[in-house]
Amino acid sequence: MTTRIHHTTHQIEISAAAEAIYDLIADAPRWPVRFGPTVHVERTSSGGGEERLAIWALANSEVKHWTSRRDLDANRRRIRFRQERSSPPVAAMGGEWIVTPIPGGSQLTLHHDFAAVSEDPADVAWILSATDRNSETELANIKALAEGTAGRPDLTFGFADEVVVGGPAERVYEFLYAAARWPDRLPHVSRLELREDTPGIQVMTMDTKAGDGSVHTTESARVCFPHQRIVYKQIATPVLMTAHVGEWSLTGESAGTRVVSRHTITINEQAITGVLGADAGVPEARAFLRKAVGGNSRATLELAKSFAEAGDAR
């Protein structure tokens, strides 16, 4: 039986230079903080206008993982991509980004071609739905970035906290990985629901208590690399953020295990005065988020340290 190839095309006009738009698309490792569906990207090789990417992204509320090869042509402002390993129900997928100058800006076109594992109409419909939703979201994100926030580097910032644990990485990783037990282990977590349909890929909904007693609900997707690191993205963020990605990394050293908690946050500028008051601006929002998010991270680091050094089953 001949495998049927399906095609989709999505377009948007953007009031920005074609080169700037191309650069946003080419910078794949920054997609998680820029594009809603993308959870994590790793560039595994690059050179000669070609690169390979490992990608974890939301598709119809599920986290899917695949690897892709990309051919980048900056002169023509085109990027071709082809999945080398797909995730069912996708059997094969590829496509191309094309940026074309037009009067007053640029036209961005995103082509996809794909084959389903089977020609079950439900599988094809699932892929079409995911492709349409993600394509429309990514095009809208690129438009917003190119026309506005890409020129506002002050809205995105990062920071890190760390501790050295006198114990093995396996114990620290166990504490961070077993997030379902956090309500019993972390005072600032009042509720947590976690599912792990695919080993190493977790989706969790968490209620976190702030210092003022208020409770914030967030939803995150996590990709776990045993005993080395856990990367995550909040897919439902508090109102003061438009994006929040992070990483727990564990490195062995002579004193034990160095554990680092890293965050990258994009501020929702329109929400600042409503949350922090009429006189607040971006600097106040950065300080507030650094204290709030960093405070919870530091508390988690210290409790992970106590857990690992105690060597018991708490």
C-alpha atoms as a PDB file:
ATOM      1  CA  MET A   1       0.000   0.000   0.000  1.00  0.00           C
ATOM      2  CA  THR A   2       1.344   3.435  -0.958  1.00  0.00           C
ATOM      3  CA  THR A   3       1.913   5.750   1.986  1.00  0.00           C
ATOM      4  CA  ARG A   4      -0.114   8.905   1.600  1.00  0.00           C
ATOM      5  CA  ILE A   5       1.738  12.186   2.075  1.00  0.00           C
ATOM      6  CA  HIS A   6      -0.300  15.038   3.545  1.00  0.00           C
ATOM      7  CA  HIS A   7       0.584  18.710   3.080  1.00  0.00           C
ATOM      8  CA  THR A   8      -0.205  21.852   5.051  1.00  0.00           C
ATOM      9  CA  THR A   9       0.758  25.501   4.554  1.00  0.00           C
ATOM     10  CA  HIS A  10       0.504  28.351   7.040  1.00  0.00           C
ATOM     11  CA  GLN A  11       1.373  32.008   6.380  1.00  0.00           C
ATOM     12  CA  ILE A  12       1.533  35.308   8.203  1.00  0.00           C
ATOM     13  CA  GLU A  13       2.590  38.851   7.330  1.00  0.00           C
ATOM     14  CA  ILE A  14       5.037  40.506   9.711  1.00  0.00           C
ATOM     15  CA  SER A  15       6.060  44.156   9.908  1.00  0.00           C
ATOM     16  CA  ALA A  16       9.751  43.392  10.323  1.00  0.00           C
ATOM     17  CA  ALA A  17      12.855  42.780   8.221  1.00  0.00           C
ATOM     18  CA  ALA A  18      13.229  39.330   6.687  1.00  0.00           C
ATOM     19  CA  GLU A  19      16.718  38.898   8.173  1.00  0.00           C
ATOM     20  CA  ALA A  20      15.435  39.480  11.703  1.00  0.00           C
ATOM     21  CA  ILE A  21      12.653  36.943  11.242  1.00  0.00           C
ATOM     22  CA  TYR A  22      15.052  34.374   9.807  1.00  0.00           C
ATOM     23  CA  ASP A  23      17.372  34.795  12.798  1.00  0.00           C
ATOM     24  CA  LEU A  24      14.514  34.042  15.219  1.00  0.00           C
ATOM     25  CA  ILE A  25      13.729  30.798  13.421  1.00  0.00           C
ATOM     26  CA  ALA A  26      17.369  29.782  13.081  1.00  0.00           C
ATOM     27  CA  ASP A  27      18.099  30.157  16.818  1.00  0.00           C
ATOM     28  CA  ALA A  28      16.472  26.848  17.795  1.00  0.00           C
ATOM     29  CA  PRO A  29      17.936  26.474  21.324  1.00  0.00           C
ATOM     30  CA  ARG A  30      15.988  29.600  22.375  1.00  0.00           C
ATOM     31  CA  TRP A  31      12.653  28.273  21.081  1.00  0.00           C
ATOM     32  CA  PRO A  32      11.428  27.074  24.513  1.00  0.00           C
ATOM     33  CA  VAL A  33      11.390  30.615  25.919  1.00  0.00           C
ATOM     34  CA  ARG A  34      10.049  32.085  22.674  1.00  0.00           C
ATOM     35  CA  PHE A  35       7.530  29.573  21.277  1.00  0.00           C
ATOM     36  CA  GLY A  36       4.620  28.247  23.297  1.00  0.00           C
ATOM     37  CA  PRO A  37       4.585  24.599  22.101  1.00  0.00           C
ATOM     38  CA  THR A  38       8.354  23.980  22.465  1.00  0.00           C
ATOM     39  CA  VAL A  39       9.427  22.482  25.792  1.00  0.00           C
ATOM     40  CA  HIS A  40      13.133  21.768  25.185  1.00  0.00           C
ATOM     41  CA  VAL A  41      15.610  21.785  22.286  1.00  0.00           C
ATOM     42  CA  GLU A  42      19.167  20.452  22.142  1.00  0.00           C
ATOM     43  CA  ARG A  43      21.466  21.051  19.179  1.00  0.00           C
ATOM     44  CA  THR A  44      23.303  17.750  18.902  1.00  0.00           C
ATOM     45  CA  SER A  45      25.497  18.649  15.899  1.00  0.00           C
ATOM     46  CA  SER A  46      26.045  21.528  13.491  1.00  0.00           C
ATOM     47  CA  GLY A  47      28.305  22.598  10.629  1.00  0.00           C
ATOM     48  CA  GLY A  48      28.243  23.404   6.947  1.00  0.00           C
ATOM     49  CA  GLY A  49      24.784  24.921   7.071  1.00  0.00           C
ATOM     50  CA  GLU A  50      23.320  21.760   8.600  1.00  0.00           C
ATOM     51  CA  GLU A  51      22.325  20.903  12.144  1.00  0.00           C
ATOM     52  CA  ARG A  52      20.599  18.177  14.091  1.00  0.00           C
ATOM     53  CA  LEU A  53      18.154  18.901  16.864  1.00  0.00           C
ATOM     54  CA  ALA A  54      16.545  16.869  19.612  1.00  0.00           C
ATOM     55  CA  ILE A  55      13.139  18.430  20.245  1.00  0.00           C
ATOM     56  CA  TRP A  56      10.483  17.976  22.916  1.00  0.00           C
ATOM     57  CA  ALA A  57       7.243  19.847  22.221  1.00  0.00           C
ATOM     58  CA  LEU A  58       3.557  19.869  23.030  1.00  0.00           C
ATOM     59  CA  ALA A  59       1.225  18.349  20.479  1.00  0.00           C
ATOM     60  CA  ASN A  60      -2.462  18.370  21.403  1.00  0.00           C
ATOM     61  CA  SER A  61      -1.496  18.657  25.095  1.00  0.00           C
ATOM     62  CA  GLU A  62       0.906  15.694  24.903  1.00  0.00           C
ATOM     63  CA  VAL A  63       4.687  16.064  25.051  1.00  0.00           C
ATOM     64  CA  LYS A  64       6.234  14.428  21.988  1.00  0.00           C
ATOM     65  CA  HIS A  65       9.930  13.878  21.281  1.00  0.00           C
ATOM     66  CA  TRP A  66      11.671  13.654  17.929  1.00  0.00           C
ATOM     67  CA  THR A  67      14.992  14.371  16.253  1.00  0.00           C
ATOM     68  CA  SER A  68      15.299  16.557  13.159  1.00  0.00           C
ATOM     69  CA  ARG A  69      17.883  17.560  10.592  1.00  0.00           C
ATOM     70  CA  ARG A  70      17.777  21.176   9.416  1.00  0.00           C
ATOM     71  CA  ASP A  71      19.400  22.761   6.364  1.00  0.00           C
ATOM     72  CA  LEU A  72      19.846  26.508   6.859  1.00  0.00           C
ATOM     73  CA  ASP A  73      20.174  28.922   3.933  1.00  0.00           C
ATOM     74  CA  ALA A  74      20.614  32.423   5.331  1.00  0.00           C
ATOM     75  CA  ASN A  75      21.110  33.988   1.890  1.00  0.00           C
ATOM     76  CA  ARG A  76      17.732  32.782   0.637  1.00  0.00           C
ATOM     77  CA  ARG A  77      16.173  32.934   4.127  1.00  0.00           C
ATOM     78  CA  ARG A  78      14.950  29.349   3.963  1.00  0.00           C
ATOM     79  CA  ILE A  79      15.233  26.524   6.494  1.00  0.00           C
ATOM     80  CA  ARG A  80      14.345  22.990   5.467  1.00  0.00           C
ATOM     81  CA  PHE A  81      13.720  20.389   8.153  1.00  0.00           C
ATOM     82  CA  ARG A  82      13.142  16.642   8.207  1.00  0.00           C
ATOM     83  CA  GLN A  83      12.418  14.463  11.208  1.00  0.00           C
ATOM     84  CA  GLU A  84      14.936  11.635  11.412  1.00  0.00           C
ATOM     85  CA  ARG A  85      13.057   9.930  14.218  1.00  0.00           C
ATOM     86  CA  SER A  86       9.372  10.681  14.606  1.00  0.00           C
ATOM     87  CA  SER A  87       6.905  10.049  17.415  1.00  0.00           C
ATOM     88  CA  PRO A  88       3.699   8.073  16.715  1.00  0.00           C
ATOM     89  CA  PRO A  89       1.166   8.612  15.285  1.00  0.00           C
ATOM     90  CA  VAL A  90       3.597  10.480  12.981  1.00  0.00           C
ATOM     91  CA  ALA A  91       5.561   8.162  10.689  1.00  0.00           C
ATOM     92  CA  ALA A  92       7.455  10.914   8.852  1.00  0.00           C
ATOM     93  CA  MET A  93       7.422  14.695   8.785  1.00  0.00           C
ATOM     94  CA  GLY A  94       9.341  17.495   7.133  1.00  0.00           C
ATOM     95  CA  GLY A  95       8.857  20.943   5.762  1.00  0.00           C
ATOM     96  CA  GLU A  96      10.328  24.365   5.179  1.00  0.00           C
ATOM     97  CA  TRP A  97      10.339  27.873   6.625  1.00  0.00           C
ATOM     98  CA  ILE A  98      10.440  30.595   3.953  1.00  0.00           C
ATOM     99  CA  VAL A  99      10.818  34.301   4.704  1.00  0.00           C
ATOM    100  CA  THR A 100       9.962  36.601   1.772  1.00  0.00           C
ATOM    101  CA  PRO A 101      10.357  40.403   1.771  1.00  0.00           C
ATOM    102  CA  ILE A 102       7.155  42.269   0.857  1.00  0.00           C
ATOM    103  CA  PRO A 103       6.260  45.972   0.950  1.00  0.00           C
ATOM    104  CA  GLY A 104       6.158  47.072   4.575  1.00  0.00           C
ATOM    105  CA  GLY A 105       7.728  43.921   5.988  1.00  0.00           C
ATOM    106  CA  SER A 106       7.887  40.205   5.269  1.00  0.00           C
ATOM    107  CA  GLN A 107       5.753  37.166   4.611  1.00  0.00           C
ATOM    108  CA  LEU A 108       6.559  34.055   6.614  1.00  0.00           C
ATOM    109  CA  THR A 109       5.449  30.728   5.171  1.00  0.00           C
ATOM    110  CA  LEU A 110       5.632  27.388   6.945  1.00  0.00           C
ATOM    111  CA  HIS A 111       5.149  24.226   4.889  1.00  0.00           C
ATOM    112  CA  HIS A 112       4.703  20.733   6.347  1.00  0.00           C
ATOM    113  CA  ASP A 113       4.473  17.337   4.715  1.00  0.00           C
ATOM    114  CA  PHE A 114       3.765  14.248   6.789  1.00  0.00           C
ATOM    115  CA  ALA A 115       2.759  10.608   6.749  1.00  0.00           C
ATOM    116  CA  ALA A 116       0.855   8.860   9.506  1.00  0.00           C
ATOM    117  CA  VAL A 117       1.767   5.485  10.985  1.00  0.00           C
ATOM    118  CA  SER A 118      -1.574   4.295   9.668  1.00  0.00           C
ATOM    119  CA  GLU A 119      -4.229   5.876   7.504  1.00  0.00           C
ATOM    120  CA  ASP A 120      -6.692   5.665  10.356  1.00  0.00           C
ATOM    121  CA  PRO A 121      -8.685   8.909   9.972  1.00  0.00           C
ATOM    122  CA  ALA A 122      -8.332   9.537  13.711  1.00  0.00           C
ATOM    123  CA  ASP A 123      -4.508   9.447  13.472  1.00  0.00           C
ATOM    124  CA  VAL A 124      -4.450  11.781  10.472  1.00  0.00           C
ATOM    125  CA  ALA A 125      -6.879  14.154  12.170  1.00  0.00           C
ATOM    126  CA  TRP A 126      -4.717  14.157  15.319  1.00  0.00           C
ATOM    127  CA  ILE A 127      -1.607  15.107  13.337  1.00  0.00           C
ATOM    128  CA  LEU A 128      -3.458  17.771  11.330  1.00  0.00           C
ATOM    129  CA  SER A 129      -4.864  19.278  14.527  1.00  0.00           C
ATOM    130  CA  ALA A 130      -1.452  19.346  16.233  1.00  0.00           C
ATOM    131  CA  THR A 131       0.273  20.744  13.142  1.00  0.00           C
ATOM    132  CA  ASP A 132      -2.334  23.477  12.671  1.00  0.00           C
ATOM    133  CA  ARG A 133      -2.341  24.485  16.329  1.00  0.00           C
ATOM    134  CA  ASN A 134       1.438  24.543  16.713  1.00  0.00           C
ATOM    135  CA  SER A 135       2.037  26.263  13.370  1.00  0.00           C
ATOM    136  CA  GLU A 136      -0.450  29.030  14.114  1.00  0.00           C
ATOM    137  CA  THR A 137       0.986  29.500  17.614  1.00  0.00           C
ATOM    138  CA  GLU A 138       4.578  29.615  16.356  1.00  0.00           C
ATOM    139  CA  LEU A 139       3.768  32.078  13.562  1.00  0.00           C
ATOM    140  CA  ALA A 140       1.961  34.348  16.018  1.00  0.00           C
ATOM    141  CA  ASN A 141       4.893  34.092  18.461  1.00  0.00           C
ATOM    142  CA  ILE A 142       7.380  35.016  15.724  1.00  0.00           C
ATOM    143  CA  LYS A 143       5.240  37.952  14.626  1.00  0.00           C
ATOM    144  CA  ALA A 144       5.005  39.275  18.191  1.00  0.00           C
ATOM    145  CA  LEU A 145       8.730  38.818  18.744  1.00  0.00           C
ATOM    146  CA  ALA A 146       9.811  40.368  15.452  1.00  0.00           C
ATOM    147  CA  GLU A 147       7.450  43.323  15.776  1.00  0.00           C
ATOM    148  CA  GLY A 148       7.964  44.007  19.446  1.00  0.00           C
ATOM    149  CA  THR A 149       9.543  42.022  22.239  1.00  0.00           C
ATOM    150  CA  ALA A 150      12.599  40.877  20.254  1.00  0.00           C
ATOM    151  CA  GLY A 151      13.709  44.490  20.543  1.00  0.00           C
ATOM    152  CA  ARG A 152      13.122  44.446  24.297  1.00  0.00           C
ATOM    153  CA  PRO A 153      15.899  42.280  25.738  1.00  0.00           C
ATOM    154  CA  ASP A 154      15.154  43.680  29.206  1.00  0.00           C
ATOM    155  CA  LEU A 155      11.932  41.653  29.332  1.00  0.00           C
ATOM    156  CA  THR A 156      13.813  38.322  29.332  1.00  0.00           C
ATOM    157  CA  PHE A 157      16.324  37.552  32.060  1.00  0.00           C
ATOM    158  CA  GLY A 158      17.977  34.572  33.687  1.00  0.00           C
ATOM    159  CA  PHE A 159      19.486  33.663  37.026  1.00  0.00           C
ATOM    160  CA  ALA A 160      20.757  30.660  38.967  1.00  0.00           C
ATOM    161  CA  ASP A 161      21.096  29.356  42.523  1.00  0.00           C
ATOM    162  CA  GLU A 162      23.199  26.429  43.690  1.00  0.00           C
ATOM    163  CA  VAL A 163      24.232  24.262  46.607  1.00  0.00           C
ATOM    164  CA  VAL A 164      26.904  21.622  47.141  1.00  0.00           C
ATOM    165  CA  VAL A 165      25.473  18.422  48.560  1.00  0.00           C
ATOM    166  CA  GLY A 166      27.587  16.025  50.582  1.00  0.00           C
ATOM    167  CA  GLY A 167      25.984  13.059  48.934  1.00  0.00           C
ATOM    168  CA  PRO A 168      25.587  11.246  45.604  1.00  0.00           C
ATOM    169  CA  ALA A 169      23.817  12.712  42.586  1.00  0.00           C
ATOM    170  CA  GLU A 170      21.427   9.751  42.591  1.00  0.00           C
ATOM    171  CA  ARG A 171      19.913  10.833  45.907  1.00  0.00           C
ATOM    172  CA  VAL A 172      19.478  14.445  44.822  1.00  0.00           C
ATOM    173  CA  TYR A 173      17.980  13.353  41.516  1.00  0.00           C
ATOM    174  CA  GLU A 174      15.551  11.063  43.346  1.00  0.00           C
ATOM    175  CA  PHE A 175      14.264  14.029  45.353  1.00  0.00           C
ATOM    176  CA  LEU A 176      13.840  16.262  42.294  1.00  0.00           C
ATOM    177  CA  TYR A 177      12.412  13.535  40.061  1.00  0.00           C
ATOM    178  CA  ALA A 178       9.801  12.299  42.571  1.00  0.00           C
ATOM    179  CA  ALA A 179       7.800  15.506  42.329  1.00  0.00           C
ATOM    180  CA  ALA A 180       4.588  13.702  43.221  1.00  0.00           C
ATOM    181  CA  ARG A 181       5.917  13.622  46.803  1.00  0.00           C
ATOM    182  CA  TRP A 182       6.678  17.348  46.949  1.00  0.00           C
ATOM    183  CA  PRO A 183       3.486  18.298  48.863  1.00  0.00           C
ATOM    184  CA  ASP A 184       4.843  16.168  51.741  1.00  0.00           C
ATOM    185  CA  ARG A 185       8.424  17.391  51.326  1.00  0.00           C
ATOM    186  CA  LEU A 186       8.221  21.065  50.265  1.00  0.00           C
ATOM    187  CA  PRO A 187       6.345  23.528  52.508  1.00  0.00           C
ATOM    188  CA  HIS A 188       5.605  25.884  49.607  1.00  0.00           C
ATOM    189  CA  VAL A 189       3.878  23.161  47.519  1.00  0.00           C
ATOM    190  CA  SER A 190       0.300  22.534  48.632  1.00  0.00           C
ATOM    191  CA  ARG A 191      -0.897  20.320  45.755  1.00  0.00           C
ATOM    192  CA  LEU A 192       0.736  18.511  42.865  1.00  0.00           C
ATOM    193  CA  GLU A 193      -0.709  16.230  40.209  1.00  0.00           C
ATOM    194  CA  LEU A 194       1.788  14.407  37.996  1.00  0.00           C
ATOM    195  CA  ARG A 195       1.539  12.070  35.057  1.00  0.00           C
ATOM    196  CA  GLU A 196       4.348  10.280  33.255  1.00  0.00           C
ATOM    197  CA  ASP A 197       2.883   8.429  30.285  1.00  0.00           C
ATOM    198  CA  THR A 198       6.325   8.181  28.660  1.00  0.00           C
ATOM    199  CA  PRO A 199       9.306   7.382  30.915  1.00  0.00           C
ATOM    200  CA  GLY A 200      11.289  10.532  31.590  1.00  0.00           C
ATOM    201  CA  ILE A 201       8.612  12.924  30.319  1.00  0.00           C
ATOM    202  CA  GLN A 202       6.414  14.387  33.042  1.00  0.00           C
ATOM    203  CA  VAL A 203       3.503  16.823  33.026  1.00  0.00           C
ATOM    204  CA  MET A 204       2.521  18.275  36.364  1.00  0.00           C
ATOM    205  CA  THR A 205       0.058  20.764  37.801  1.00  0.00           C
ATOM    206  CA  MET A 206       1.221  22.412  41.017  1.00  0.00           C
ATOM    207  CA  ASP A 207      -0.214  24.824  43.589  1.00  0.00           C
ATOM    208  CA  THR A 208       2.534  26.948  45.137  1.00  0.00           C
ATOM    209  CA  LYS A 209       2.145  29.168  48.203  1.00  0.00           C
ATOM    210  CA  ALA A 210       3.792  32.587  47.986  1.00  0.00           C
ATOM    211  CA  GLY A 211       5.276  34.507  50.893  1.00  0.00           C
ATOM    212  CA  ASP A 212       2.119  36.633  51.205  1.00  0.00           C
ATOM    213  CA  GLY A 213      -0.042  33.549  51.579  1.00  0.00           C
ATOM    214  CA  SER A 214      -1.501  33.614  48.051  1.00  0.00           C
ATOM    215  CA  VAL A 215      -1.571  30.399  46.026  1.00  0.00           C
ATOM    216  CA  HIS A 216      -0.470  30.219  42.385  1.00  0.00           C
ATOM    217  CA  THR A 217      -1.292  27.327  40.069  1.00  0.00           C
ATOM    218  CA  THR A 218       1.216  26.417  37.378  1.00  0.00           C
ATOM    219  CA  GLU A 219       1.442  23.610  34.840  1.00  0.00           C
ATOM    220  CA  SER A 220       4.834  22.358  33.705  1.00  0.00           C
ATOM    221  CA  ALA A 221       6.302  19.828  31.312  1.00  0.00           C
ATOM    222  CA  ARG A 222       9.563  18.193  32.424  1.00  0.00           C
ATOM    223  CA  VAL A 223      12.173  16.163  30.546  1.00  0.00           C
ATOM    224  CA  CYS A 224      14.285  14.034  32.865  1.00  0.00           C
ATOM    225  CA  PHE A 225      17.832  12.840  32.191  1.00  0.00           C
ATOM    226  CA  PRO A 226      18.551  10.387  35.039  1.00  0.00           C
ATOM    227  CA  HIS A 227      21.048  11.530  37.652  1.00  0.00           C
ATOM    228  CA  GLN A 228      22.230  14.447  35.481  1.00  0.00           C
ATOM    229  CA  ARG A 229      19.510  17.029  34.984  1.00  0.00           C
ATOM    230  CA  ILE A 230      15.811  17.815  34.671  1.00  0.00           C
ATOM    231  CA  VAL A 231      14.690  20.534  32.271  1.00  0.00           C
ATOM    232  CA  TYR A 232      11.226  22.003  32.362  1.00  0.00           C
ATOM    233  CA  LYS A 233       8.889  24.598  30.950  1.00  0.00           C
ATOM    234  CA  GLN A 234       5.868  26.138  32.591  1.00  0.00           C
ATOM    235  CA  ILE A 235       3.046  25.741  30.084  1.00  0.00           C
ATOM    236  CA  ALA A 236       0.640  27.666  32.322  1.00  0.00           C
ATOM    237  CA  THR A 237       2.414  30.575  33.969  1.00  0.00           C
ATOM    238  CA  PRO A 238       1.476  33.186  36.580  1.00  0.00           C
ATOM    239  CA  VAL A 239       0.147  36.404  35.048  1.00  0.00           C
ATOM    240  CA  LEU A 240       3.414  38.319  35.505  1.00  0.00           C
ATOM    241  CA  MET A 241       5.230  35.977  33.093  1.00  0.00           C
ATOM    242  CA  THR A 242       4.756  35.069  29.461  1.00  0.00           C
ATOM    243  CA  ALA A 243       7.429  32.350  29.589  1.00  0.00           C
ATOM    244  CA  HIS A 244       9.416  30.457  32.200  1.00  0.00           C
ATOM    245  CA  VAL A 245      11.896  27.659  31.474  1.00  0.00           C
ATOM    246  CA  GLY A 246      14.324  26.093  33.904  1.00  0.00           C
ATOM    247  CA  GLU A 247      16.795  23.344  34.633  1.00  0.00           C
ATOM    248  CA  TRP A 248      18.069  21.349  37.597  1.00  0.00           C
ATOM    249  CA  SER A 249      21.616  20.179  36.836  1.00  0.00           C
ATOM    250  CA  LEU A 250      23.748  17.817  38.928  1.00  0.00           C
ATOM    251  CA  THR A 251      27.542  17.616  38.675  1.00  0.00           C
ATOM    252  CA  GLY A 252      29.791  15.394  40.737  1.00  0.00           C
ATOM    253  CA  GLU A 253      32.837  16.947  42.387  1.00  0.00           C
ATOM    254  CA  SER A 254      35.243  16.171  45.231  1.00  0.00           C
ATOM    255  CA  ALA A 255      32.935  17.620  47.897  1.00  0.00           C
ATOM    256  CA  GLY A 256      29.898  15.711  46.654  1.00  0.00           C
ATOM    257  CA  THR A 257      27.347  16.964  44.110  1.00  0.00           C
ATOM    258  CA  ARG A 258      26.903  20.511  42.865  1.00  0.00           C
ATOM    259  CA  VAL A 259      23.232  21.180  42.190  1.00  0.00           C
ATOM    260  CA  VAL A 260      22.306  24.231  40.136  1.00  0.00           C
ATOM    261  CA  SER A 261      18.809  25.607  39.566  1.00  0.00           C
ATOM    262  CA  ARG A 262      18.628  27.849  36.475  1.00  0.00           C
ATOM    263  CA  HIS A 263      15.702  29.961  35.291  1.00  0.00           C
ATOM    264  CA  THR A 264      14.931  32.025  32.209  1.00  0.00           C
ATOM    265  CA  ILE A 265      11.836  34.223  32.450  1.00  0.00           C
ATOM    266  CA  THR A 266      10.068  36.606  30.080  1.00  0.00           C
ATOM    267  CA  ILE A 267       8.044  39.307  31.806  1.00  0.00           C
ATOM    268  CA  ASN A 268       4.487  40.122  30.805  1.00  0.00           C
ATOM    269  CA  GLU A 269       4.886  43.902  30.720  1.00  0.00           C
ATOM    270  CA  GLN A 270       1.147  44.539  30.427  1.00  0.00           C
ATOM    271  CA  ALA A 271       0.561  42.824  33.790  1.00  0.00           C
ATOM    272  CA  ILE A 272       3.163  44.693  35.841  1.00  0.00           C
ATOM    273  CA  THR A 273       1.054  47.533  37.214  1.00  0.00           C
ATOM    274  CA  GLY A 274      -1.894  45.250  37.937  1.00  0.00           C
ATOM    275  CA  VAL A 275       0.297  42.939  40.016  1.00  0.00           C
ATOM    276  CA  LEU A 276       2.874  45.297  41.520  1.00  0.00           C
ATOM    277  CA  GLY A 277       1.173  48.710  41.520  1.00  0.00           C
ATOM    278  CA  ALA A 278       0.933  51.787  39.337  1.00  0.00           C
ATOM    279  CA  ASP A 279       4.516  52.915  39.959  1.00  0.00           C
ATOM    280  CA  ALA A 280       6.141  49.561  39.092  1.00  0.00           C
ATOM    281  CA  GLY A 281       8.049  48.891  35.899  1.00  0.00           C
ATOM    282  CA  VAL A 282      10.302  46.223  34.396  1.00  0.00           C
ATOM    283  CA  PRO A 283      13.077  46.573  37.045  1.00  0.00           C
ATOM    284  CA  GLU A 284      10.568  46.037  39.839  1.00  0.00           C
ATOM    285  CA  ALA A 285       9.091  43.035  38.034  1.00  0.00           C
ATOM    286  CA  ARG A 286      12.538  41.482  37.589  1.00  0.00           C
ATOM    287  CA  ALA A 287      13.335  41.981  41.276  1.00  0.00           C
ATOM    288  CA  PHE A 288       9.963  40.562  42.344  1.00  0.00           C
ATOM    289  CA  LEU A 289      10.283  37.455  40.176  1.00  0.00           C
ATOM    290  CA  ARG A 290      13.916  36.894  41.140  1.00  0.00           C
ATOM    291  CA  LYS A 291      12.904  36.892  44.796  1.00  0.00           C
ATOM    292  CA  ALA A 292       9.737  34.822  44.394  1.00  0.00           C
ATOM    293  CA  VAL A 293      10.980  32.177  41.940  1.00  0.00           C
ATOM    294  CA  GLY A 294      14.483  32.111  43.360  1.00  0.00           C
ATOM    295  CA  GLY A 295      13.152  31.811  46.897  1.00  0.00           C
ATOM    296  CA  ASN A 296      11.204  28.670  46.030  1.00  0.00           C
ATOM    297  CA  SER A 297      14.208  27.246  44.172  1.00  0.00           C
ATOM    298  CA  ARG A 298      16.542  27.879  47.074  1.00  0.00           C
ATOM    299  CA  ALA A 299      14.089  26.246  49.466  1.00  0.00           C
ATOM    300  CA  THR A 300      13.909  23.199  47.185  1.00  0.00           C
ATOM    301  CA  LEU A 301      17.699  23.057  46.898  1.00  0.00           C
ATOM    302  CA  GLU A 302      18.161  23.119  50.664  1.00  0.00           C
ATOM    303  CA  LEU A 303      15.558  20.411  51.219  1.00  0.00           C
ATOM    304  CA  ALA A 304      17.084  18.272  48.456  1.00  0.00           C
ATOM    305  CA  LYS A 305      20.445  18.717  50.187  1.00  0.00           C
ATOM    306  CA  SER A 306      19.008  17.624  53.544  1.00  0.00           C
ATOM    307  CA  PHE A 307      17.304  14.645  51.932  1.00  0.00           C
ATOM    308  CA  ALA A 308      20.442  13.467  50.131  1.00  0.00           C
ATOM    309  CA  GLU A 309      22.736  13.951  53.094  1.00  0.00           C
ATOM    310  CA  ALA A 310      20.373  12.246  55.534  1.00  0.00           C
ATOM    311  CA  GLY A 311      20.444   9.041  53.512  1.00  0.00           C
ATOM    312  CA  ASP A 312      17.030   7.952  54.750  1.00  0.00           C
ATOM    313  CA  ALA A 313      13.712   7.415  52.986  1.00  0.00           C
ATOM    314  CA  ARG A 314      12.039  10.704  53.883  1.00  0.00           C
END
